[in-house]
Amino acid sequence: MDILSWRIASGYAEYPKGGWGCDDIFVPVVLGREVVGIVAKDGPDVRQFPVGGSPLESLFLLGGKNMTSSYPFVILGDEFKSKRVLVTGGTKGIGEAIVRRFELSGASVATTARSELAQGQAPALFIKTDLGTARGVQNVVDRIQQEWGGLDVLVNNVGGTETKPGGFEVLSDEDWQRILDVNLLAAVRLDRAFVPGMIERKSGVVIHISSIAHRLPFSNSTLAYGTAKGALSTYSKGLAKGVAPKGVRVTMISPGFIETSGAHGMIVDISKGSGISEDAARQRIMDMLGGIPIGRPGRPEEVAELVAFLASDRGAFISGADYIVDGGTVPTT
């Protein structure tokens, strides 16, 4: 313990003068109920130290930089070592959890967003751009090719819609085009740019993040969003059939109600606006979706774990599938 000493009781680390800074992250490595080591993270640098000489066996739980909570699942620290990963829309919600999951597993991770990075986020590569435009996609392609020369894993996560009051008739041609650009064509354009390189190397994984909206569409102004995700499903399945014989696997994940920070903000708004508790507001959203048999919304990390599985060699026999991650909302067919 000459490098670091872990104070389990107080939950913070001491280090020699001139060592890692006060804003660095020190997180215990837990096997069962025993703390067996420490992971220290400073920006992109991650170092592992044993406690009392116990082996780490590459297993650790690590919170993101400047975060106090640890990642909720045990991870292999070198699972994606040397892999080049792009996660679009990776600064918030599910995308942020996916970025974090790959980072903790040793990958070099690039991500995109229309806004600047939040304090504490430090991906290996960040491109501020609007993927809802062809020019925005080309910005990403140019930067990735310049810096890395291609990708091993592409996670098309960016998506979403702005809900207008009223039914489908309130959506203009411009609204439809924008929703299709973000939720369908962004993925199509990025796949078209990066999949040929994967085919040339006979290795690569593409994962499309969709939504159960393409299985359970509403007739209101979110109909365009559900339609775009339905088109993404058809496209994803067709692409998977075409590239699987060439060494590239394509899959899709369709989450249901995942309680991201944005979703929690909606819960808080409903709670305040209706004078009900947050639990009641959360339940109101679940009821609107037709219920969640498991009894709660999902967590972003639960989606990220499935992404990691599909991107890994453990998912090597999976191609063309659409995984519904919704706690049972979509009825069994």
Protein backbone atom coordinates (compact mmCIF):
# COMPACT_ATOMS: atom_id res chain seq x y z
CA MET A 1 0.00 0.00 0.00
CA ASP A 2 2.89 2.39 -0.68
CA ILE A 3 1.04 3.98 -3.63
CA LEU A 4 -2.49 4.33 -2.32
CA SER A 5 -4.26 3.49 0.89
CA TRP A 6 -7.98 2.91 0.89
CA ARG A 7 -10.05 4.13 3.80
CA ILE A 8 -13.11 1.95 3.54
CA ALA A 9 -14.86 3.58 6.45
CA SER A 10 -14.58 7.15 5.20
CA GLY A 11 -14.73 6.19 1.53
CA TYR A 12 -11.82 8.20 0.16
CA ALA A 13 -8.24 7.61 -0.88
CA GLU A 14 -4.93 9.07 0.28
CA TYR A 15 -2.07 9.36 -2.18
CA PRO A 16 1.47 10.75 -2.11
CA LYS A 17 2.08 14.45 -2.69
CA GLY A 18 2.41 15.14 -6.38
CA GLY A 19 0.30 12.10 -7.21
CA TRP A 20 -3.20 11.98 -8.62
CA GLY A 21 -5.24 15.16 -8.19
CA CYS A 22 -8.12 15.81 -5.86
CA ASP A 23 -10.70 15.58 -8.66
CA ASP A 24 -9.62 12.09 -9.68
CA ILE A 25 -11.81 9.08 -9.00
CA PHE A 26 -10.94 6.31 -6.54
CA VAL A 27 -13.42 3.45 -6.48
CA PRO A 28 -13.28 0.17 -4.57
CA VAL A 29 -13.17 -3.12 -6.45
CA VAL A 30 -15.71 -5.47 -4.93
CA LEU A 31 -15.86 -9.26 -5.20
CA GLY A 32 -18.81 -10.56 -3.24
CA ARG A 33 -18.77 -8.47 -0.06
CA GLU A 34 -15.01 -7.96 0.04
CA VAL A 35 -13.12 -4.90 -1.17
CA VAL A 36 -10.13 -6.37 -3.00
CA GLY A 37 -8.69 -3.38 -4.81
CA ILE A 38 -8.91 0.18 -6.05
CA VAL A 39 -9.48 1.63 -9.47
CA ALA A 40 -8.17 5.15 -10.01
CA LYS A 41 -9.39 7.14 -13.02
CA ASP A 42 -7.93 10.40 -14.27
CA GLY A 43 -9.55 11.43 -17.55
CA PRO A 44 -8.81 8.61 -20.00
CA ASP A 45 -6.21 7.00 -17.70
CA VAL A 46 -7.31 4.07 -15.56
CA ARG A 47 -4.97 2.32 -13.11
CA GLN A 48 -5.67 -0.60 -10.81
CA PHE A 49 -4.13 -1.19 -7.39
CA PRO A 50 -4.55 -4.22 -5.10
CA VAL A 51 -5.51 -3.84 -1.48
CA GLY A 52 -3.42 -6.00 0.80
CA GLY A 53 -1.99 -7.85 -2.18
CA SER A 54 -5.28 -9.43 -3.25
CA PRO A 55 -5.53 -10.01 -7.03
CA LEU A 56 -7.90 -7.79 -9.03
CA GLU A 57 -8.45 -10.38 -11.75
CA SER A 58 -9.43 -7.47 -14.02
CA LEU A 59 -12.80 -7.12 -12.29
CA PHE A 60 -13.82 -3.70 -11.10
CA LEU A 61 -16.69 -1.37 -10.46
CA LEU A 62 -15.99 2.18 -11.52
CA GLY A 63 -17.98 5.38 -11.41
CA GLY A 64 -17.54 7.96 -14.17
CA LYS A 65 -15.14 10.84 -13.55
CA ASN A 66 -16.41 13.17 -10.82
CA MET A 67 -19.26 10.78 -10.00
CA THR A 68 -19.62 9.25 -6.58
CA SER A 69 -21.75 6.22 -7.43
CA SER A 70 -20.12 3.07 -8.78
CA TYR A 71 -21.20 1.30 -11.93
CA PRO A 72 -23.89 -1.22 -10.89
CA PHE A 73 -22.45 -4.29 -12.64
CA VAL A 74 -19.15 -6.15 -12.52
CA ILE A 75 -17.07 -5.55 -15.65
CA LEU A 76 -14.05 -7.10 -17.31
CA GLY A 77 -11.62 -4.20 -17.51
CA ASP A 78 -9.96 -5.27 -20.77
CA GLU A 79 -12.99 -6.72 -22.57
CA PHE A 80 -12.85 -4.10 -25.35
CA LYS A 81 -9.18 -3.19 -25.14
CA SER A 82 -7.91 -1.70 -28.43
CA LYS A 83 -11.46 -1.50 -29.86
CA ARG A 84 -12.53 1.72 -31.59
CA VAL A 85 -16.13 2.50 -30.66
CA LEU A 86 -18.47 5.29 -31.77
CA VAL A 87 -21.62 5.92 -29.73
CA THR A 88 -23.77 8.67 -31.23
CA GLY A 89 -25.71 10.88 -28.82
CA GLY A 90 -23.49 9.70 -25.99
CA THR A 91 -23.56 12.60 -23.54
CA LYS A 92 -26.95 11.94 -21.92
CA GLY A 93 -29.27 9.11 -20.96
CA ILE A 94 -28.80 5.69 -22.51
CA GLY A 95 -26.00 6.95 -24.73
CA GLU A 96 -24.01 8.22 -21.76
CA ALA A 97 -24.37 4.85 -20.03
CA ILE A 98 -23.18 3.05 -23.17
CA VAL A 99 -20.14 5.33 -23.47
CA ARG A 100 -19.31 4.73 -19.83
CA ARG A 101 -19.67 0.95 -20.21
CA PHE A 102 -17.24 0.80 -23.12
CA GLU A 103 -14.77 3.14 -21.42
CA LEU A 104 -14.69 0.97 -18.32
CA SER A 105 -13.97 -2.05 -20.51
CA GLY A 106 -10.89 -0.53 -22.10
CA ALA A 107 -12.28 0.74 -25.42
CA SER A 108 -11.35 3.96 -27.15
CA VAL A 109 -14.73 5.69 -27.31
CA ALA A 110 -15.87 8.54 -29.53
CA THR A 111 -19.21 10.23 -29.13
CA THR A 112 -21.28 13.05 -30.58
CA ALA A 113 -23.79 15.63 -29.43
CA ARG A 114 -25.25 18.94 -30.55
CA SER A 115 -24.16 20.59 -27.30
CA GLU A 116 -20.85 20.71 -25.44
CA LEU A 117 -19.71 17.98 -23.09
CA ALA A 118 -20.87 18.23 -19.50
CA GLN A 119 -18.26 18.80 -16.82
CA GLY A 120 -16.45 15.56 -16.04
CA GLN A 121 -17.17 13.81 -19.34
CA ALA A 122 -13.95 12.88 -21.11
CA PRO A 123 -14.39 10.52 -24.08
CA ALA A 124 -11.33 9.75 -26.18
CA LEU A 125 -12.90 11.70 -29.03
CA PHE A 126 -15.82 14.12 -29.07
CA ILE A 127 -17.44 15.68 -32.13
CA LYS A 128 -19.97 18.45 -31.62
CA THR A 129 -22.35 18.16 -34.57
CA ASP A 130 -25.95 17.69 -35.66
CA LEU A 131 -26.41 14.18 -37.01
CA GLY A 132 -29.80 15.16 -38.35
CA THR A 133 -27.98 16.66 -41.32
CA ALA A 134 -25.81 15.07 -44.01
CA ARG A 135 -23.10 17.64 -43.26
CA GLY A 136 -23.17 16.78 -39.57
CA VAL A 137 -22.71 13.08 -40.33
CA GLN A 138 -19.83 13.86 -42.68
CA ASN A 139 -18.13 15.82 -39.89
CA VAL A 140 -18.12 12.67 -37.77
CA VAL A 141 -16.95 10.44 -40.61
CA ASP A 142 -14.07 12.77 -41.50
CA ARG A 143 -12.88 13.07 -37.90
CA ILE A 144 -13.07 9.35 -37.16
CA GLN A 145 -11.26 8.43 -40.37
CA GLN A 146 -8.59 11.04 -39.70
CA GLU A 147 -8.01 10.04 -36.06
CA TRP A 148 -8.64 6.29 -36.11
CA GLY A 149 -8.97 5.12 -39.69
CA GLY A 150 -12.27 3.34 -39.02
CA LEU A 151 -14.38 1.66 -36.35
CA ASP A 152 -14.75 -1.75 -34.74
CA VAL A 153 -18.11 -1.01 -33.11
CA LEU A 154 -20.74 1.51 -34.20
CA VAL A 155 -23.66 2.20 -31.85
CA ASN A 156 -26.29 4.34 -33.58
CA ASN A 157 -27.98 5.70 -30.47
CA VAL A 158 -28.94 9.24 -31.44
CA GLY A 159 -32.68 9.78 -31.76
CA GLY A 160 -35.74 11.44 -30.31
CA THR A 161 -38.59 13.75 -31.11
CA GLU A 162 -40.34 16.87 -29.86
CA THR A 163 -43.95 16.18 -28.99
CA LYS A 164 -46.44 18.72 -30.27
CA PRO A 165 -49.94 19.04 -28.81
CA GLY A 166 -52.53 17.39 -31.01
CA GLY A 167 -52.68 14.38 -33.27
CA PHE A 168 -50.75 13.28 -36.33
CA GLU A 169 -52.26 16.12 -38.35
CA VAL A 170 -50.16 18.75 -36.56
CA LEU A 171 -46.95 17.39 -38.11
CA SER A 172 -45.79 19.30 -41.18
CA ASP A 173 -43.62 17.93 -44.00
CA GLU A 174 -40.68 19.66 -42.33
CA ASP A 175 -41.45 17.90 -39.03
CA TRP A 176 -41.59 14.51 -40.73
CA GLN A 177 -38.35 15.12 -42.58
CA ARG A 178 -36.50 16.21 -39.46
CA ILE A 179 -37.71 13.18 -37.50
CA LEU A 180 -36.71 10.82 -40.32
CA ASP A 181 -33.31 12.52 -40.65
CA VAL A 182 -32.49 12.04 -36.96
CA ASN A 183 -34.07 8.65 -36.27
CA LEU A 184 -33.40 6.83 -39.55
CA LEU A 185 -31.07 8.59 -41.96
CA ALA A 186 -28.38 9.41 -39.39
CA ALA A 187 -27.86 5.66 -38.89
CA VAL A 188 -28.09 4.92 -42.62
CA ARG A 189 -25.45 7.54 -43.44
CA LEU A 190 -23.05 6.43 -40.72
CA ASP A 191 -23.44 2.75 -41.64
CA ARG A 192 -22.78 3.60 -45.29
CA ALA A 193 -19.55 5.34 -44.27
CA PHE A 194 -18.15 2.80 -41.78
CA VAL A 195 -19.52 -0.64 -42.68
CA PRO A 196 -17.42 -0.97 -45.88
CA GLY A 197 -14.27 -0.74 -43.76
CA MET A 198 -15.62 -3.42 -41.44
CA ILE A 199 -16.35 -5.63 -44.43
CA GLU A 200 -12.81 -5.10 -45.70
CA ARG A 201 -11.45 -6.23 -42.31
CA LYS A 202 -14.08 -8.98 -42.10
CA SER A 203 -14.92 -7.84 -38.59
CA GLY A 204 -17.29 -5.32 -37.05
CA VAL A 205 -20.46 -4.74 -35.07
CA VAL A 206 -23.30 -2.29 -35.71
CA ILE A 207 -26.00 -1.78 -33.09
CA HIS A 208 -29.07 0.35 -33.73
CA ILE A 209 -30.86 1.76 -30.68
CA SER A 210 -34.56 1.99 -31.52
CA SER A 211 -37.69 2.11 -29.33
CA ILE A 212 -40.77 0.05 -28.59
CA ALA A 213 -42.61 2.92 -30.31
CA HIS A 214 -42.29 0.96 -33.55
CA ARG A 215 -44.19 -1.91 -31.89
CA LEU A 216 -46.64 0.18 -29.84
CA PRO A 217 -47.17 3.42 -31.79
CA PHE A 218 -49.42 6.20 -30.56
CA SER A 219 -51.70 8.18 -32.89
CA ASN A 220 -50.54 11.55 -31.54
CA SER A 221 -47.62 13.62 -32.80
CA THR A 222 -45.14 10.89 -31.81
CA LEU A 223 -46.44 8.82 -34.73
CA ALA A 224 -43.66 10.08 -36.99
CA TYR A 225 -41.09 8.95 -34.43
CA GLY A 226 -42.61 5.46 -34.23
CA THR A 227 -42.75 5.32 -38.02
CA ALA A 228 -39.07 6.25 -38.32
CA LYS A 229 -38.12 3.56 -35.82
CA GLY A 230 -40.24 1.05 -37.75
CA ALA A 231 -38.29 1.94 -40.87
CA LEU A 232 -35.06 1.55 -38.90
CA SER A 233 -36.15 -1.95 -37.91
CA THR A 234 -36.73 -2.97 -41.53
CA TYR A 235 -33.46 -1.39 -42.62
CA SER A 236 -31.51 -3.02 -39.77
CA LYS A 237 -32.83 -6.49 -40.60
CA GLY A 238 -32.06 -6.10 -44.30
CA LEU A 239 -28.56 -4.76 -43.64
CA ALA A 240 -27.86 -7.63 -41.24
CA LYS A 241 -28.69 -10.20 -43.91
CA GLY A 242 -26.42 -8.52 -46.42
CA VAL A 243 -23.30 -8.10 -44.29
CA ALA A 244 -23.36 -11.11 -41.95
CA PRO A 245 -21.62 -13.37 -44.52
CA LYS A 246 -18.88 -10.73 -44.73
CA GLY A 247 -18.01 -10.76 -41.04
CA VAL A 248 -20.16 -7.86 -39.81
CA ARG A 249 -22.97 -8.31 -37.30
CA VAL A 250 -25.93 -5.91 -37.16
CA THR A 251 -28.50 -5.96 -34.35
CA MET A 252 -31.10 -3.64 -32.85
CA ILE A 253 -32.27 -2.85 -29.32
CA SER A 254 -35.73 -1.39 -28.68
CA PRO A 255 -35.96 0.04 -25.14
CA GLY A 256 -39.21 0.83 -23.40
CA PHE A 257 -39.53 3.33 -20.56
CA ILE A 258 -35.98 3.92 -19.32
CA GLU A 259 -35.63 6.39 -16.46
CA THR A 260 -32.89 8.63 -17.76
CA SER A 261 -32.23 12.02 -16.22
CA GLY A 262 -34.53 13.51 -18.86
CA ALA A 263 -37.29 11.04 -18.06
CA HIS A 264 -36.89 11.76 -14.37
CA GLY A 265 -37.29 15.45 -15.13
CA MET A 266 -40.61 14.64 -16.80
CA ILE A 267 -41.66 12.70 -13.70
CA VAL A 268 -40.82 15.70 -11.52
CA ASP A 269 -42.80 18.03 -13.80
CA ILE A 270 -45.86 15.76 -13.66
CA SER A 271 -45.51 15.49 -9.89
CA LYS A 272 -45.40 19.25 -9.40
CA GLY A 273 -48.03 20.03 -12.00
CA SER A 274 -50.54 17.49 -10.70
CA GLY A 275 -49.78 17.77 -7.00
CA ILE A 276 -48.91 14.09 -6.70
CA SER A 277 -45.82 12.23 -5.50
CA GLU A 278 -43.02 11.29 -7.86
CA ASP A 279 -43.91 7.61 -7.39
CA ALA A 280 -47.48 8.36 -8.48
CA ALA A 281 -46.22 10.36 -11.46
CA ARG A 282 -43.92 7.51 -12.46
CA GLN A 283 -46.81 5.08 -12.21
CA ARG A 284 -48.98 7.37 -14.35
CA ILE A 285 -46.41 7.16 -17.16
CA MET A 286 -46.18 3.39 -16.84
CA ASP A 287 -49.98 3.10 -16.98
CA MET A 288 -50.06 5.28 -20.09
CA LEU A 289 -47.74 2.78 -21.78
CA GLY A 290 -50.04 -0.09 -20.86
CA GLY A 291 -48.13 -1.10 -17.75
CA ILE A 292 -44.71 -2.57 -17.00
CA PRO A 293 -45.12 -6.06 -15.51
CA ILE A 294 -41.73 -5.88 -13.80
CA GLY A 295 -43.10 -2.88 -11.91
CA ARG A 296 -40.52 -0.20 -12.60
CA PRO A 297 -38.82 1.69 -15.44
CA GLY A 298 -35.53 0.41 -16.75
CA ARG A 299 -32.11 1.87 -15.99
CA PRO A 300 -29.76 3.17 -18.69
CA GLU A 301 -27.07 0.77 -17.52
CA GLU A 302 -29.36 -2.18 -18.18
CA VAL A 303 -29.51 -1.21 -21.84
CA ALA A 304 -25.76 -0.58 -21.87
CA GLU A 305 -25.11 -4.10 -20.61
CA LEU A 306 -27.03 -5.59 -23.53
CA VAL A 307 -25.11 -3.36 -25.94
CA ALA A 308 -21.83 -4.61 -24.45
CA PHE A 309 -22.93 -8.23 -24.75
CA LEU A 310 -23.96 -7.84 -28.39
CA ALA A 311 -20.71 -6.04 -29.22
CA SER A 312 -18.57 -8.70 -27.57
CA ASP A 313 -17.46 -12.12 -28.73
CA ARG A 314 -20.13 -13.58 -26.45
CA GLY A 315 -22.70 -12.37 -28.98
CA ALA A 316 -20.81 -13.70 -32.00
CA PHE A 317 -23.73 -15.85 -33.21
CA ILE A 318 -26.30 -13.04 -33.02
CA SER A 319 -27.23 -11.07 -36.12
CA GLY A 320 -30.42 -9.41 -37.32
CA ALA A 321 -32.20 -9.63 -33.97
CA ASP A 322 -34.31 -6.88 -32.35
CA TYR A 323 -34.15 -7.04 -28.55
CA ILE A 324 -37.13 -5.58 -26.69
CA VAL A 325 -35.96 -4.18 -23.35
CA ASP A 326 -39.15 -2.94 -21.73
CA GLY A 327 -39.87 -4.89 -18.55
CA GLY A 328 -42.68 -6.74 -20.33
CA THR A 329 -44.64 -3.77 -21.74
CA VAL A 330 -44.96 -5.19 -25.26
CA PRO A 331 -47.36 -8.16 -25.14
CA THR A 332 -45.93 -11.53 -26.12
CA THR A 333 -46.80 -12.43 -29.69
